[in-house]
Amino acid sequence: MPSVPTIELNNGITMPQVGYGVFQIPEDETTRAVTVALEAGYRSIDTASAYGNEAGVGAALKASGIPRDELFVTTKLWNTDQGYDSTLRAFDASLARLGLEQLDLYLIHWPTPKQGKYLDTWRALEKIYQEGRVRAIGVSNFLPEHLQAVADLGGTIPAVNQIEVHPALQQRAVQEADQKLGVVTEAWSPLAQAGVLDNPAVTAIAEAHGRTPAQVVLRWHLQQGRVIIPKSATPSRIRENLDLFGFELTAEQISAIDALESDGRIGPHPDFFN
């Protein structure tokens, strides 16, 4: 199995730099897909309440026989559960569906700024963290102003900000804000849903290394220090997306992929999504 590097979070715990994401995998297929991922060597699994497949993830984790301390499990709070008390209830429900006593990372899925609840929601996450029911807390899709508002509370700084990042949308301002506050950037949709894989720059680099375009783009993320959670339900691609450690991109190749920025956002804009 591949030896996956880890990233140290700002509270001293570590998480694998490559995880397996289960976005858009139906509940009845999730257990099989996560089982394949675990057998391939993934030890970090990323789900969310909104995905509707936490129970399927939990079933695969339980059946795997892998010791709990070798796994890193992330889930996320959905927008309709924002607010202090509702966050506490939603966390309990997610933990029950996953069949776990402790979570590794809990994220606010979106800031939903029009609701105006994400700071109260963050205080609830801090309570859960202080009680030891989760090892780290963070956010997802937060822009610099949302991150700064959380930091200005004077309490816990988010350990992770999970955002859409890929060659066509690099969100440099958000990544710089993360770095300034000591927050790890985690990329969702790191392959732009395959939208950048036929780009001539990417295919040329892939040919030079004898690798697939997907492996080249994922390697680009890793060499820039991001955590990634590629998603596929196809067993061969699940394994391929973890086979990233026998080659290295040159500085020129990284720059060539950097140059593909086109503001090619796939998901919603955090300022307007509620």
Protein backbone atom coordinates (compact mmCIF):
# COMPACT_ATOMS: atom_id res chain seq x y z
CA MET A 1 0.00 0.00 0.00
CA PRO A 2 1.22 3.55 -0.65
CA SER A 3 2.66 5.52 2.24
CA VAL A 4 0.49 8.64 2.30
CA PRO A 5 2.14 11.75 3.81
CA THR A 6 0.39 13.58 6.60
CA ILE A 7 -0.22 17.27 7.27
CA GLU A 8 0.02 18.67 10.79
CA LEU A 9 -2.96 20.81 11.78
CA ASN A 10 -2.71 23.89 13.97
CA ASN A 11 -3.67 21.94 17.10
CA GLY A 12 -0.89 19.40 16.62
CA ILE A 13 -2.85 16.45 15.23
CA THR A 14 -2.12 15.09 11.77
CA MET A 15 -4.35 14.10 8.87
CA PRO A 16 -3.50 12.21 5.67
CA GLN A 17 -2.77 14.53 2.76
CA VAL A 18 -4.91 12.35 0.44
CA GLY A 19 -8.41 11.29 1.46
CA TYR A 20 -11.37 9.68 -0.24
CA GLY A 21 -14.43 11.86 -0.86
CA VAL A 22 -17.92 10.40 -1.18
CA PHE A 23 -19.82 13.39 -2.61
CA GLN A 24 -22.68 12.29 -4.91
CA ILE A 25 -22.19 8.58 -4.18
CA PRO A 26 -25.63 7.12 -3.40
CA GLU A 27 -26.12 5.59 0.03
CA ASP A 28 -26.56 2.08 -1.36
CA GLU A 29 -23.22 2.29 -3.20
CA THR A 30 -21.21 4.08 -0.51
CA THR A 31 -20.27 1.07 1.61
CA ARG A 32 -18.84 -0.75 -1.41
CA ALA A 33 -16.94 2.33 -2.63
CA VAL A 34 -15.46 3.12 0.78
CA THR A 35 -14.49 -0.53 1.22
CA VAL A 36 -12.58 -0.40 -2.08
CA ALA A 37 -10.88 2.83 -0.96
CA LEU A 38 -9.84 1.37 2.39
CA GLU A 39 -8.48 -1.75 0.69
CA ALA A 40 -6.51 0.51 -1.68
CA GLY A 41 -4.86 2.23 1.27
CA TYR A 42 -6.95 5.33 1.96
CA ARG A 43 -7.30 6.05 5.65
CA SER A 44 -9.05 9.42 5.46
CA ILE A 45 -12.73 9.48 4.46
CA ASP A 46 -14.66 12.69 3.83
CA THR A 47 -18.45 12.80 3.95
CA ALA A 48 -21.17 15.27 4.98
CA SER A 49 -24.66 15.26 6.40
CA ALA A 50 -25.93 16.68 3.11
CA TYR A 51 -24.51 13.76 1.12
CA GLY A 52 -26.99 11.38 2.75
CA ASN A 53 -24.43 8.59 2.98
CA GLU A 54 -22.89 8.84 6.46
CA ALA A 55 -24.44 5.50 7.46
CA GLY A 56 -22.87 3.83 4.42
CA VAL A 57 -19.47 5.25 5.37
CA GLY A 58 -19.92 4.02 8.94
CA ALA A 59 -20.83 0.52 7.78
CA ALA A 60 -17.66 0.29 5.67
CA LEU A 61 -15.48 1.56 8.51
CA LYS A 62 -16.95 -0.97 10.93
CA ALA A 63 -16.64 -3.89 8.52
CA SER A 64 -13.05 -3.04 7.58
CA GLY A 65 -11.55 -4.12 10.88
CA ILE A 66 -9.06 -1.25 10.62
CA PRO A 67 -8.21 0.10 14.09
CA ARG A 68 -10.03 3.36 14.80
CA ASP A 69 -6.81 5.24 15.52
CA GLU A 70 -5.61 4.51 11.97
CA LEU A 71 -8.65 6.22 10.42
CA PHE A 72 -9.40 9.90 9.91
CA VAL A 73 -13.10 10.66 9.43
CA THR A 74 -14.53 14.04 8.40
CA THR A 75 -18.14 15.12 8.14
CA LYS A 76 -19.87 18.46 7.77
CA LEU A 77 -22.78 20.43 9.19
CA TRP A 78 -25.45 21.34 6.64
CA ASN A 79 -26.80 24.86 6.17
CA THR A 80 -30.26 24.19 7.60
CA ASP A 81 -28.67 23.04 10.88
CA GLN A 82 -26.72 26.23 11.49
CA GLY A 83 -27.16 27.90 14.88
CA TYR A 84 -25.82 26.93 18.31
CA ASP A 85 -28.36 24.40 19.59
CA SER A 86 -29.21 22.93 16.19
CA THR A 87 -25.50 22.39 15.50
CA LEU A 88 -25.14 20.34 18.67
CA ARG A 89 -28.12 18.19 17.67
CA ALA A 90 -26.84 17.77 14.11
CA PHE A 91 -23.43 16.67 15.34
CA ASP A 92 -25.01 14.00 17.55
CA ALA A 93 -27.05 12.75 14.59
CA SER A 94 -24.01 12.56 12.28
CA LEU A 95 -21.98 10.71 14.89
CA ALA A 96 -24.80 8.20 15.34
CA ARG A 97 -25.14 7.60 11.60
CA LEU A 98 -21.38 7.06 11.33
CA GLY A 99 -21.44 4.71 14.32
CA LEU A 100 -18.56 6.57 15.98
CA GLU A 101 -17.91 7.85 19.48
CA GLN A 102 -15.48 10.52 18.31
CA LEU A 103 -15.02 12.35 15.01
CA ASP A 104 -11.65 13.44 13.65
CA LEU A 105 -12.75 16.62 11.85
CA TYR A 106 -16.07 18.48 11.83
CA LEU A 107 -16.62 21.31 9.34
CA ILE A 108 -19.22 24.02 8.79
CA HIS A 109 -20.16 23.11 5.22
CA TRP A 110 -20.90 26.68 3.96
CA PRO A 111 -20.77 30.10 5.65
CA THR A 112 -24.30 30.98 4.43
CA PRO A 113 -23.65 34.66 5.27
CA LYS A 114 -27.24 35.73 4.60
CA GLN A 115 -28.35 33.56 7.52
CA GLY A 116 -25.88 35.32 9.81
CA LYS A 117 -25.47 32.23 11.99
CA TYR A 118 -21.99 30.92 11.29
CA LEU A 119 -20.39 32.56 14.34
CA ASP A 120 -22.94 30.98 16.70
CA THR A 121 -22.40 27.74 14.81
CA TRP A 122 -18.66 28.06 15.36
CA ARG A 123 -19.17 28.49 19.10
CA ALA A 124 -21.08 25.19 19.10
CA LEU A 125 -18.20 23.49 17.29
CA GLU A 126 -15.84 24.87 19.93
CA LYS A 127 -18.00 23.31 22.66
CA ILE A 128 -17.92 19.92 20.92
CA TYR A 129 -14.14 20.25 20.50
CA GLN A 130 -13.58 21.23 24.14
CA GLU A 131 -15.59 18.20 25.22
CA GLY A 132 -13.21 15.97 23.24
CA ARG A 133 -15.92 14.60 20.97
CA VAL A 134 -14.05 15.78 17.88
CA ARG A 135 -10.28 16.00 17.43
CA ALA A 136 -10.30 19.11 15.22
CA ILE A 137 -12.82 21.62 13.90
CA GLY A 138 -12.83 23.67 10.75
CA VAL A 139 -14.82 25.24 7.97
CA SER A 140 -15.59 24.72 4.30
CA ASN A 141 -16.08 27.26 1.52
CA PHE A 142 -15.16 30.19 3.79
CA LEU A 143 -13.84 33.34 2.12
CA PRO A 144 -11.19 35.52 3.81
CA GLU A 145 -13.78 37.77 5.47
CA HIS A 146 -15.63 34.78 6.94
CA LEU A 147 -12.38 33.33 8.25
CA GLN A 148 -11.38 36.64 9.79
CA ALA A 149 -14.73 36.98 11.54
CA VAL A 150 -14.20 33.57 13.16
CA ALA A 151 -10.64 34.50 14.14
CA ASP A 152 -11.87 37.78 15.64
CA LEU A 153 -13.94 35.81 18.16
CA GLY A 154 -10.63 35.20 19.92
CA GLY A 155 -11.19 31.48 20.40
CA THR A 156 -10.24 28.44 18.35
CA ILE A 157 -8.83 29.07 14.89
CA PRO A 158 -10.21 26.66 12.27
CA ALA A 159 -7.82 23.80 11.57
CA VAL A 160 -8.97 23.35 7.96
CA ASN A 161 -10.76 25.33 5.26
CA GLN A 162 -12.09 22.93 2.62
CA ILE A 163 -12.63 24.88 -0.60
CA GLU A 164 -13.01 24.32 -4.32
CA VAL A 165 -9.47 24.36 -5.74
CA HIS A 166 -8.23 23.03 -9.07
CA PRO A 167 -6.14 24.41 -11.94
CA ALA A 168 -9.08 26.41 -13.33
CA LEU A 169 -9.99 27.94 -9.93
CA GLN A 170 -7.03 28.43 -7.62
CA GLN A 171 -8.56 30.83 -5.07
CA ARG A 172 -5.18 32.34 -4.23
CA ALA A 173 -6.63 35.02 -1.94
CA VAL A 174 -8.42 32.39 0.13
CA GLN A 175 -5.31 30.21 0.28
CA GLU A 176 -3.25 33.21 1.40
CA ALA A 177 -5.79 33.98 4.15
CA ASP A 178 -5.67 30.34 5.26
CA GLN A 179 -1.89 30.41 5.40
CA LYS A 180 -1.81 33.68 7.33
CA LEU A 181 -4.05 32.21 10.04
CA GLY A 182 -2.38 28.79 10.12
CA VAL A 183 -5.34 27.05 8.48
CA VAL A 184 -4.72 24.06 6.19
CA THR A 185 -6.31 24.37 2.74
CA GLU A 186 -8.14 21.23 1.67
CA ALA A 187 -9.24 21.01 -1.97
CA TRP A 188 -12.61 19.63 -2.95
CA SER A 189 -13.19 18.82 -6.62
CA PRO A 190 -9.38 18.80 -7.05
CA LEU A 191 -9.76 17.54 -10.63
CA ALA A 192 -12.48 20.06 -11.59
CA GLN A 193 -14.76 17.08 -12.26
CA ALA A 194 -12.32 16.06 -15.01
CA GLY A 195 -12.73 19.44 -16.69
CA VAL A 196 -8.99 20.18 -16.88
CA LEU A 197 -7.73 16.70 -17.72
CA ASP A 198 -7.70 17.15 -21.49
CA ASN A 199 -5.79 20.43 -21.35
CA PRO A 200 -2.68 20.17 -23.56
CA ALA A 201 -0.38 21.40 -20.79
CA VAL A 202 -1.64 18.68 -18.44
CA THR A 203 -1.58 15.90 -21.04
CA ALA A 204 1.98 16.81 -22.07
CA ILE A 205 3.18 16.64 -18.47
CA ALA A 206 1.38 13.33 -18.00
CA GLU A 207 3.07 11.89 -21.07
CA ALA A 208 6.47 13.06 -19.86
CA HIS A 209 6.03 11.18 -16.58
CA GLY A 210 4.19 8.15 -17.91
CA ARG A 211 1.24 9.06 -15.69
CA THR A 212 -2.41 9.93 -16.20
CA PRO A 213 -3.57 13.56 -16.38
CA ALA A 214 -5.50 13.03 -13.13
CA GLN A 215 -2.37 11.88 -11.33
CA VAL A 216 -0.49 14.93 -12.60
CA VAL A 217 -3.12 17.37 -11.32
CA LEU A 218 -3.34 15.62 -7.95
CA ARG A 219 0.44 15.68 -7.69
CA TRP A 220 0.33 19.44 -8.41
CA HIS A 221 -1.90 19.88 -5.38
CA LEU A 222 0.31 17.79 -3.12
CA GLN A 223 3.50 19.61 -4.03
CA GLN A 224 1.81 22.90 -3.11
CA GLY A 225 0.91 21.58 0.33
CA ARG A 226 -2.84 21.07 0.03
CA VAL A 227 -4.91 18.21 1.38
CA ILE A 228 -6.99 16.60 -1.39
CA ILE A 229 -10.09 14.40 -1.44
CA PRO A 230 -10.50 13.04 -4.98
CA LYS A 231 -13.77 11.20 -5.56
CA SER A 232 -14.54 8.31 -7.86
CA ALA A 233 -16.80 5.28 -7.62
CA THR A 234 -14.71 3.32 -10.14
CA PRO A 235 -12.29 0.92 -8.38
CA SER A 236 -9.44 1.42 -10.85
CA ARG A 237 -9.65 5.20 -10.52
CA ILE A 238 -9.93 5.01 -6.75
CA ARG A 239 -6.59 3.19 -6.73
CA GLU A 240 -5.08 5.44 -9.41
CA ASN A 241 -5.90 8.58 -7.42
CA LEU A 242 -3.76 7.32 -4.54
CA ASP A 243 -0.79 6.30 -6.70
CA LEU A 244 0.87 9.72 -6.57
CA PHE A 245 4.20 9.18 -4.87
CA GLY A 246 6.59 7.69 -7.42
CA PHE A 247 7.19 10.88 -9.39
CA GLU A 248 7.64 14.61 -8.89
CA LEU A 249 6.70 17.61 -11.02
CA THR A 250 9.37 20.13 -11.89
CA ALA A 251 9.02 23.80 -11.01
CA GLU A 252 8.35 24.53 -14.67
CA GLN A 253 5.58 21.94 -14.81
CA ILE A 254 3.96 23.34 -11.68
CA SER A 255 4.09 26.83 -13.22
CA ALA A 256 2.47 25.52 -16.41
CA ILE A 257 -0.47 24.18 -14.41
CA ASP A 258 -0.63 27.37 -12.33
CA ALA A 259 -1.11 29.25 -15.60
CA LEU A 260 -4.41 27.45 -16.28
CA GLU A 261 -6.36 29.69 -13.86
CA SER A 262 -9.57 30.80 -15.57
CA ASP A 263 -12.02 31.45 -12.72
CA GLY A 264 -13.67 28.19 -13.72
CA ARG A 265 -15.85 27.75 -10.65
CA ILE A 266 -17.92 24.55 -10.59
CA GLY A 267 -19.79 24.93 -7.31
CA PRO A 268 -21.79 27.84 -5.86
CA HIS A 269 -20.18 31.10 -4.79
CA PRO A 270 -19.97 31.18 -0.96
CA ASP A 271 -21.32 34.73 -0.74
CA PHE A 272 -24.64 33.77 -2.32
CA PHE A 273 -25.23 30.13 -1.35
CA ASN A 274 -27.61 29.59 1.55
